[in-house]
């Protein structure tokens, strides 16, 4: 089942969500931290949320995301303060590209797999 934000983007771009072009990015946090996201992958099975999104189930070292926004800093700043977020990957891509990076990518700064930051699912 698609989230409302996905349905909204499909309506706006008149494309399936998987085909909407955007930017894929990866963030590195020197000190692991709890971040906000629309992604349930980081939130775990009993997600906590506030008015701006789901909270990660635990402090994480990396966040991989996708945005179609013209100013990606605005989107990236919603996860955690920009002062503690280091952008280590930023390339054109789609949601399937984001999913692939989450599962198979490694941080160019510390070499840890991005998948280590994904919350365990039931």
N, C-alpha and C. Protein backbone atom coordinates (compact mmCIF):
# COMPACT_ATOMS: atom_id res chain seq x y z
N UNK A 1 0.84 -1.19 0.00
CA UNK A 1 0.00 0.00 0.00
C UNK A 1 0.88 1.25 0.00
N UNK A 2 0.57 2.16 -0.86
CA UNK A 2 1.38 3.38 -1.00
C UNK A 2 1.00 4.39 0.07
N UNK A 3 2.02 5.13 0.49
CA UNK A 3 1.82 6.23 1.44
C UNK A 3 1.18 7.41 0.71
N UNK A 4 0.57 8.32 1.46
CA UNK A 4 -0.09 9.48 0.84
C UNK A 4 0.90 10.34 0.08
N UNK A 5 2.13 10.52 0.59
CA UNK A 5 3.10 11.35 -0.12
C UNK A 5 3.43 10.75 -1.48
N UNK A 6 3.44 9.41 -1.58
CA UNK A 6 3.71 8.76 -2.86
C UNK A 6 2.57 9.00 -3.84
N UNK A 7 1.35 8.88 -3.36
CA UNK A 7 0.17 9.13 -4.20
C UNK A 7 0.15 10.58 -4.68
N UNK A 8 0.51 11.51 -3.79
CA UNK A 8 0.54 12.92 -4.16
C UNK A 8 1.57 13.19 -5.26
N UNK A 9 2.76 12.57 -5.15
CA UNK A 9 3.79 12.77 -6.17
C UNK A 9 3.38 12.14 -7.50
N UNK A 10 2.76 10.98 -7.47
CA UNK A 10 2.29 10.35 -8.71
C UNK A 10 1.28 11.25 -9.41
N UNK A 11 0.39 11.84 -8.64
CA UNK A 11 -0.61 12.74 -9.22
C UNK A 11 0.07 13.99 -9.81
N UNK A 12 1.03 14.52 -9.10
CA UNK A 12 1.73 15.73 -9.55
C UNK A 12 2.51 15.49 -10.84
N UNK A 13 3.27 14.38 -10.90
CA UNK A 13 4.14 14.11 -12.04
C UNK A 13 3.50 13.24 -13.11
N UNK A 14 2.34 12.67 -12.81
CA UNK A 14 1.64 11.79 -13.75
C UNK A 14 2.53 10.63 -14.21
N UNK A 15 3.26 10.07 -13.24
CA UNK A 15 4.14 8.93 -13.47
C UNK A 15 4.03 7.99 -12.27
N UNK A 16 4.31 6.71 -12.48
CA UNK A 16 4.41 5.83 -11.31
C UNK A 16 5.54 6.32 -10.41
N UNK A 17 5.38 6.19 -9.11
CA UNK A 17 6.37 6.71 -8.16
C UNK A 17 7.78 6.19 -8.47
N UNK A 18 7.89 4.96 -8.95
CA UNK A 18 9.19 4.36 -9.24
C UNK A 18 9.91 5.03 -10.42
N UNK A 19 9.18 5.80 -11.23
CA UNK A 19 9.78 6.43 -12.41
C UNK A 19 10.03 7.93 -12.25
N UNK A 20 9.63 8.49 -11.14
CA UNK A 20 9.80 9.94 -10.95
C UNK A 20 11.29 10.23 -10.72
N UNK A 21 11.87 11.09 -11.55
CA UNK A 21 13.29 11.41 -11.38
C UNK A 21 13.50 12.29 -10.16
N UNK A 22 14.62 12.11 -9.54
CA UNK A 22 14.97 12.92 -8.38
C UNK A 22 16.45 12.78 -8.08
N UNK A 23 16.78 12.91 -6.82
CA UNK A 23 18.16 12.77 -6.35
C UNK A 23 18.18 11.74 -5.22
N UNK A 24 19.17 10.86 -5.27
CA UNK A 24 19.41 9.91 -4.19
C UNK A 24 20.59 10.46 -3.39
N UNK A 25 20.45 10.42 -2.08
CA UNK A 25 21.51 10.96 -1.24
C UNK A 25 21.78 10.03 -0.06
N UNK A 26 22.98 10.10 0.45
CA UNK A 26 23.34 9.35 1.65
C UNK A 26 23.99 10.33 2.62
N UNK A 27 23.58 10.22 3.87
CA UNK A 27 24.10 11.07 4.93
C UNK A 27 24.92 10.23 5.90
N UNK A 28 25.98 10.80 6.39
CA UNK A 28 26.83 10.16 7.41
C UNK A 28 26.75 11.02 8.66
N UNK A 29 26.51 10.37 9.79
CA UNK A 29 26.51 11.05 11.08
C UNK A 29 27.70 10.53 11.87
N UNK A 30 28.63 11.40 12.20
CA UNK A 30 29.82 10.97 12.95
C UNK A 30 29.40 10.35 14.28
N UNK A 31 28.44 10.99 14.94
CA UNK A 31 27.85 10.44 16.15
C UNK A 31 26.46 9.91 15.77
N UNK A 32 26.19 8.62 15.96
CA UNK A 32 24.86 8.10 15.61
C UNK A 32 23.76 8.91 16.29
N UNK A 33 22.67 9.10 15.55
CA UNK A 33 21.57 9.91 16.09
C UNK A 33 20.22 9.43 15.60
N UNK A 34 19.20 9.75 16.36
CA UNK A 34 17.82 9.49 15.96
C UNK A 34 17.47 10.54 14.92
N UNK A 35 16.91 10.10 13.80
CA UNK A 35 16.55 11.02 12.72
C UNK A 35 15.08 10.89 12.39
N UNK A 36 14.56 11.86 11.66
CA UNK A 36 13.17 11.86 11.20
C UNK A 36 13.13 11.47 9.73
N UNK A 37 12.05 10.80 9.35
CA UNK A 37 11.94 10.32 7.98
C UNK A 37 10.48 10.03 7.66
N UNK A 38 10.19 9.90 6.36
CA UNK A 38 8.90 9.35 5.95
C UNK A 38 9.05 7.84 5.73
N UNK A 39 10.28 7.36 5.79
CA UNK A 39 10.57 5.95 5.53
C UNK A 39 10.36 5.10 6.77
N UNK A 40 9.55 4.08 6.64
CA UNK A 40 9.33 3.15 7.74
C UNK A 40 10.52 2.21 7.94
N UNK A 41 11.41 2.14 6.97
CA UNK A 41 12.56 1.26 7.09
C UNK A 41 13.46 1.61 8.26
N UNK A 42 13.51 2.87 8.60
CA UNK A 42 14.35 3.29 9.72
C UNK A 42 13.56 3.30 11.03
N UNK A 43 12.25 3.33 10.95
CA UNK A 43 11.40 3.49 12.13
C UNK A 43 11.14 2.20 12.89
N UNK A 44 11.30 1.06 12.26
CA UNK A 44 11.01 -0.20 12.94
C UNK A 44 9.53 -0.53 12.95
N UNK A 45 9.19 -1.57 13.69
CA UNK A 45 7.80 -2.05 13.61
C UNK A 45 6.81 -1.27 14.46
N UNK A 46 7.23 -0.63 15.51
CA UNK A 46 6.35 0.20 16.34
C UNK A 46 6.83 1.64 16.28
N UNK A 47 6.62 2.30 15.15
CA UNK A 47 7.23 3.62 14.96
C UNK A 47 6.69 4.69 15.89
N UNK A 48 7.60 5.53 16.33
CA UNK A 48 7.23 6.76 17.02
C UNK A 48 7.22 7.85 15.96
N UNK A 49 6.36 8.81 16.14
CA UNK A 49 6.33 9.90 15.18
C UNK A 49 5.97 11.20 15.85
N UNK A 50 6.32 12.27 15.18
CA UNK A 50 5.89 13.59 15.61
C UNK A 50 5.30 14.28 14.39
N UNK A 51 5.04 15.56 14.47
CA UNK A 51 4.36 16.26 13.38
C UNK A 51 5.14 16.30 12.08
N UNK A 52 6.46 16.04 12.13
CA UNK A 52 7.25 16.12 10.90
C UNK A 52 7.73 14.77 10.39
N UNK A 53 7.29 13.68 10.99
CA UNK A 53 7.66 12.37 10.45
C UNK A 53 7.91 11.31 11.49
N UNK A 54 8.34 10.17 11.00
CA UNK A 54 8.66 9.03 11.84
C UNK A 54 10.07 9.19 12.40
N UNK A 55 10.28 8.71 13.59
CA UNK A 55 11.60 8.75 14.20
C UNK A 55 12.28 7.41 14.02
N UNK A 56 13.58 7.42 13.79
CA UNK A 56 14.30 6.16 13.65
C UNK A 56 14.20 5.38 14.97
N UNK A 57 14.16 4.06 14.86
CA UNK A 57 13.97 3.20 16.01
C UNK A 57 15.13 3.30 17.00
N UNK A 58 16.27 3.71 16.51
CA UNK A 58 17.47 3.84 17.35
C UNK A 58 18.38 4.86 16.67
N UNK A 59 19.41 5.30 17.37
CA UNK A 59 20.37 6.20 16.71
C UNK A 59 21.03 5.45 15.54
N UNK A 60 21.17 6.14 14.42
CA UNK A 60 21.77 5.52 13.23
C UNK A 60 22.97 6.33 12.77
N UNK A 61 23.83 5.66 12.02
CA UNK A 61 25.05 6.29 11.53
C UNK A 61 24.87 6.81 10.11
N UNK A 62 23.91 6.21 9.36
CA UNK A 62 23.71 6.60 7.96
C UNK A 62 22.23 6.67 7.62
N UNK A 63 21.92 7.58 6.74
CA UNK A 63 20.56 7.69 6.21
C UNK A 63 20.66 7.79 4.70
N UNK A 64 19.92 6.96 4.00
CA UNK A 64 19.85 7.02 2.54
C UNK A 64 18.44 7.47 2.18
N UNK A 65 18.34 8.48 1.34
CA UNK A 65 17.04 9.02 0.99
C UNK A 65 16.95 9.41 -0.48
N UNK A 66 15.76 9.84 -0.85
CA UNK A 66 15.46 10.27 -2.22
C UNK A 66 14.58 11.50 -2.12
N UNK A 67 14.81 12.44 -3.02
CA UNK A 67 13.95 13.62 -3.08
C UNK A 67 13.83 14.08 -4.52
N UNK A 68 12.72 14.67 -4.84
CA UNK A 68 12.53 15.30 -6.14
C UNK A 68 12.52 16.81 -5.98
N UNK A 69 12.74 17.29 -4.77
CA UNK A 69 12.72 18.73 -4.50
C UNK A 69 13.89 19.43 -5.17
N UNK A 70 13.65 20.66 -5.62
CA UNK A 70 14.69 21.44 -6.28
C UNK A 70 15.82 21.79 -5.31
N UNK A 71 15.47 22.06 -4.06
CA UNK A 71 16.47 22.40 -3.05
C UNK A 71 16.58 21.22 -2.08
N UNK A 72 17.48 20.27 -2.35
CA UNK A 72 17.56 19.08 -1.49
C UNK A 72 18.01 19.38 -0.07
N UNK A 73 18.68 20.50 0.17
CA UNK A 73 19.11 20.83 1.53
C UNK A 73 17.89 20.96 2.45
N UNK A 74 16.79 21.45 1.91
CA UNK A 74 15.57 21.58 2.70
C UNK A 74 15.10 20.20 3.15
N UNK A 75 15.09 19.24 2.25
CA UNK A 75 14.68 17.87 2.57
C UNK A 75 15.66 17.23 3.54
N UNK A 76 16.94 17.36 3.27
CA UNK A 76 17.97 16.75 4.11
C UNK A 76 17.93 17.33 5.52
N UNK A 77 17.65 18.60 5.64
CA UNK A 77 17.57 19.24 6.95
C UNK A 77 16.41 18.77 7.80
N UNK A 78 15.44 18.11 7.19
CA UNK A 78 14.31 17.59 7.96
C UNK A 78 14.69 16.33 8.73
N UNK A 79 15.74 15.64 8.32
CA UNK A 79 16.15 14.41 9.01
C UNK A 79 16.83 14.73 10.34
N UNK A 80 17.75 15.65 10.31
CA UNK A 80 18.52 16.09 11.47
C UNK A 80 19.14 17.43 11.10
N UNK A 81 19.62 18.19 12.08
CA UNK A 81 20.22 19.48 11.75
C UNK A 81 21.34 19.33 10.72
N UNK A 82 21.37 20.23 9.75
CA UNK A 82 22.40 20.18 8.71
C UNK A 82 23.81 20.22 9.30
N UNK A 83 23.97 20.84 10.44
CA UNK A 83 25.30 20.94 11.05
C UNK A 83 25.86 19.57 11.45
N UNK A 84 25.01 18.57 11.64
CA UNK A 84 25.50 17.24 12.03
C UNK A 84 25.35 16.23 10.89
N UNK A 85 24.87 16.66 9.74
CA UNK A 85 24.65 15.78 8.59
C UNK A 85 25.73 16.02 7.53
N UNK A 86 26.49 15.00 7.23
CA UNK A 86 27.48 15.10 6.16
C UNK A 86 26.96 14.35 4.95
N UNK A 87 26.81 15.04 3.83
CA UNK A 87 26.34 14.42 2.60
C UNK A 87 27.53 13.68 1.98
N UNK A 88 27.43 12.34 1.90
CA UNK A 88 28.54 11.55 1.36
C UNK A 88 28.20 10.96 -0.01
N UNK A 89 26.95 11.10 -0.44
CA UNK A 89 26.54 10.61 -1.76
C UNK A 89 25.39 11.48 -2.22
N UNK A 90 25.42 11.92 -3.48
CA UNK A 90 24.34 12.74 -4.03
C UNK A 90 24.38 12.61 -5.54
N UNK A 91 23.42 11.88 -6.10
CA UNK A 91 23.38 11.62 -7.54
C UNK A 91 21.94 11.59 -8.04
N UNK A 92 21.71 11.87 -9.33
CA UNK A 92 20.38 11.69 -9.88
C UNK A 92 19.93 10.24 -9.72
N UNK A 93 18.64 10.04 -9.45
CA UNK A 93 18.15 8.67 -9.32
C UNK A 93 16.67 8.62 -8.99
N UNK A 94 16.19 7.40 -8.87
CA UNK A 94 14.78 7.13 -8.61
C UNK A 94 14.65 6.38 -7.28
N UNK A 95 13.41 6.12 -6.86
CA UNK A 95 13.21 5.34 -5.64
C UNK A 95 13.83 3.95 -5.73
N UNK A 96 13.75 3.25 -6.88
CA UNK A 96 14.46 1.96 -6.95
C UNK A 96 15.98 2.11 -6.76
N UNK A 97 16.56 3.20 -7.26
CA UNK A 97 17.99 3.45 -7.05
C UNK A 97 18.28 3.65 -5.56
N UNK A 98 17.39 4.36 -4.87
CA UNK A 98 17.54 4.56 -3.43
C UNK A 98 17.50 3.22 -2.70
N UNK A 99 16.53 2.37 -3.05
CA UNK A 99 16.39 1.06 -2.40
C UNK A 99 17.65 0.22 -2.60
N UNK A 100 18.20 0.25 -3.80
CA UNK A 100 19.41 -0.52 -4.09
C UNK A 100 20.59 -0.01 -3.27
N UNK A 101 20.73 1.31 -3.15
CA UNK A 101 21.83 1.87 -2.37
C UNK A 101 21.68 1.50 -0.89
N UNK A 102 20.46 1.53 -0.37
CA UNK A 102 20.23 1.17 1.03
C UNK A 102 20.70 -0.25 1.32
N UNK A 103 20.45 -1.14 0.40
CA UNK A 103 20.74 -2.56 0.64
C UNK A 103 22.16 -2.96 0.27
N UNK A 104 22.74 -2.32 -0.75
CA UNK A 104 24.03 -2.78 -1.25
C UNK A 104 25.16 -1.76 -1.12
N UNK A 105 24.83 -0.52 -0.77
CA UNK A 105 25.85 0.52 -0.74
C UNK A 105 26.65 0.56 0.55
N UNK A 106 27.80 1.21 0.46
CA UNK A 106 28.68 1.43 1.61
C UNK A 106 29.05 2.91 1.66
N UNK A 107 29.20 3.41 2.85
CA UNK A 107 29.58 4.81 3.04
C UNK A 107 31.01 5.02 2.54
N UNK A 108 31.23 6.00 1.67
CA UNK A 108 32.59 6.25 1.18
C UNK A 108 33.51 6.82 2.28
N UNK A 109 32.93 7.34 3.34
CA UNK A 109 33.74 7.91 4.42
C UNK A 109 34.24 6.83 5.40
N UNK A 110 33.35 5.92 5.82
CA UNK A 110 33.72 4.96 6.86
C UNK A 110 33.64 3.50 6.40
N UNK A 111 33.13 3.28 5.20
CA UNK A 111 33.01 1.94 4.59
C UNK A 111 31.95 1.04 5.23
N UNK A 112 31.17 1.53 6.19
CA UNK A 112 30.11 0.72 6.79
C UNK A 112 28.98 0.56 5.77
N UNK A 113 28.35 -0.62 5.75
CA UNK A 113 27.20 -0.81 4.86
C UNK A 113 26.02 0.06 5.32
N UNK A 114 25.35 0.69 4.38
CA UNK A 114 24.18 1.51 4.72
C UNK A 114 23.08 0.66 5.36
N UNK A 115 22.99 -0.61 4.97
CA UNK A 115 21.92 -1.48 5.49
C UNK A 115 22.02 -1.66 7.01
N UNK A 116 23.20 -1.43 7.60
CA UNK A 116 23.33 -1.55 9.05
C UNK A 116 22.49 -0.54 9.81
N UNK A 117 22.08 0.53 9.15
CA UNK A 117 21.24 1.55 9.81
C UNK A 117 19.75 1.27 9.68
N UNK A 118 19.38 0.31 8.85
CA UNK A 118 17.95 -0.03 8.68
C UNK A 118 17.47 -0.75 9.93
N UNK A 119 16.28 -0.41 10.40
CA UNK A 119 15.71 -1.05 11.60
C UNK A 119 15.27 -2.47 11.26
N UNK A 120 15.38 -3.35 12.23
CA UNK A 120 14.91 -4.73 12.05
C UNK A 120 13.40 -4.73 11.91
N UNK A 121 12.92 -5.47 10.97
CA UNK A 121 11.48 -5.58 10.73
C UNK A 121 11.00 -6.94 11.22
N UNK A 122 9.71 -7.05 11.57
CA UNK A 122 9.21 -8.35 12.06
C UNK A 122 9.27 -9.44 11.00
